[in-house]
Amino acid sequence: MDQTIGDHLRRIRTTSTLTQDQLAERAGVSVETIRKLERNDRTSARMSTLEKLARALQVATTTLMGSAARAQAMREPDAAPLGLVDVRRALTPVAGLDGQPVTGDAESEPPTPATVRRAVRAANTLYHSNDYAATLSLVPSLLGEARTLVDVTTGDEQLAAHALASQAHQLAGRLLIQLRRVDLAHVALSGALDHARRSGDQVVGAGAVAPMCWLLLRQARFAEAEALAVRTADQVEPRLSQATPEQLAAWGFLLMKGASAAVRDARHDDAEQMLDLAAAGAHRLGGQPNPNADVMGNDYSAEGVQLMRVESAVIAGQPDQALRLAQQMERSPQVTPSSRQRHRLDVAWSHVQTGAYADATGVLVELADRAPAWLRQQRYAREIVQSIAEGRRRTMSRELADLASLVGCTP
């Protein structure tokens, strides 16, 4: 049976010989919260609460997280859903005629903007480090905190709370796309867009549109993805001479999404035009960091544009060109690990297309060592492994067999 947060909490607390009251006093958490967690009346908790409990127990925060989320993140690629009940409940709360959820937050202290902001960043840090299990454990409480913050604030504070709620839903959407739960991802990203509209912040809105474009690409809805990206880019386009890094990144990242859709729709010239525009903005941005890059999943930079050019060459059936472009890459700290990993799959595919199976296998082994949870979810990786297996002239190597097992391929 899957271990919950409460199961881990009770085990660690009793091992440390603390009573529930003693732990509550040491952690600064209500004893009622601890009781409900340990009885499994509540299966998730706020990030801030988990951090307090972990500090009091002198363990890592992730030690308290349940195993259902880990099972979901490391599942077989086509397995049935596991560990998503709390995420689904958080995204689709049941409300009565008064519009209020029928189950409230068991924690009496309302969240503050600072605690929610820290929770959003902490969860994004886990996501970008490919720890999908830990991220999945945090998402339900994060969404609940963000929703509560919107409910308890007014005026400008509520607008800022809507922006944080949008960022929380964006993270949930990106994670669910990685886990190939596209229907739930659509619910999460629709929520992100709704909160962004309510915040009145165009940068936050553009940040919500970008993963929605990604989701549409996953569903082969190329024309819709391009139209959404281009229309939003037109709406948020800044004056280059006056734009902040956040504004430039929001605009340029949408152009990259539009180009990604156009090239998949066999309109390579249009894609190149968008990438040229994006490159001009990235040049203007220079090395200026985008302070919200992590919470927006936005890795707009000169290298990010170059990664998209490599992807375009792959889709256009030009593997030699893709490999040449990849060799010219200059690394940027703005590029997220998942984007760089996706690029390495493009490199592996290009090696396959040129008959360099050993080089392709080497790239995949590198990815398996660095990001096994991420690689396991990639259909692209399965296709590459299948192609290598079909093209080999010798008995399958141990490395290739291990890769096939990891990505769920049966060559």
Foldseek 3Di string as FASTA:
>chain_A
DKFALLNLLVVLCVVVVHDLVRLCVQLVFDSQVNVCSVVVVDRAAAPSSLVSSCVSSVHDSLSSHMCQLVCLLQDQQPDDHTLCPLVVCLLDADDDPVRDGPDADPGDDQDDPVSLVVRLLVLLVCVLQQVLSSSSRNLSNSLRNLVSQLVPDDDLSNLVSLLSNLLSLQSVLVSCVLSVVLVSSVSSLVSSCVSPVSSVDLLSNLLSLLSVLVSCVVVVVLVVSLVSLVVSLVVLPDDLVDDDLSSLQSNLSSLLSNLLSCLLVVNNVSSVVSLVVSLVSQVSCDQPDDPCLSSSVGLRHNLLSLLSVLVSCLSVVNLVVSLVSVVVGDDHPSHGPVSVLVSLLSNLVSCLSVVNLVVSLVSLLVCCVSRLSSQLNDVSLLVSLVSSVVPDPDPDDPSSVVSCVSNVHDD
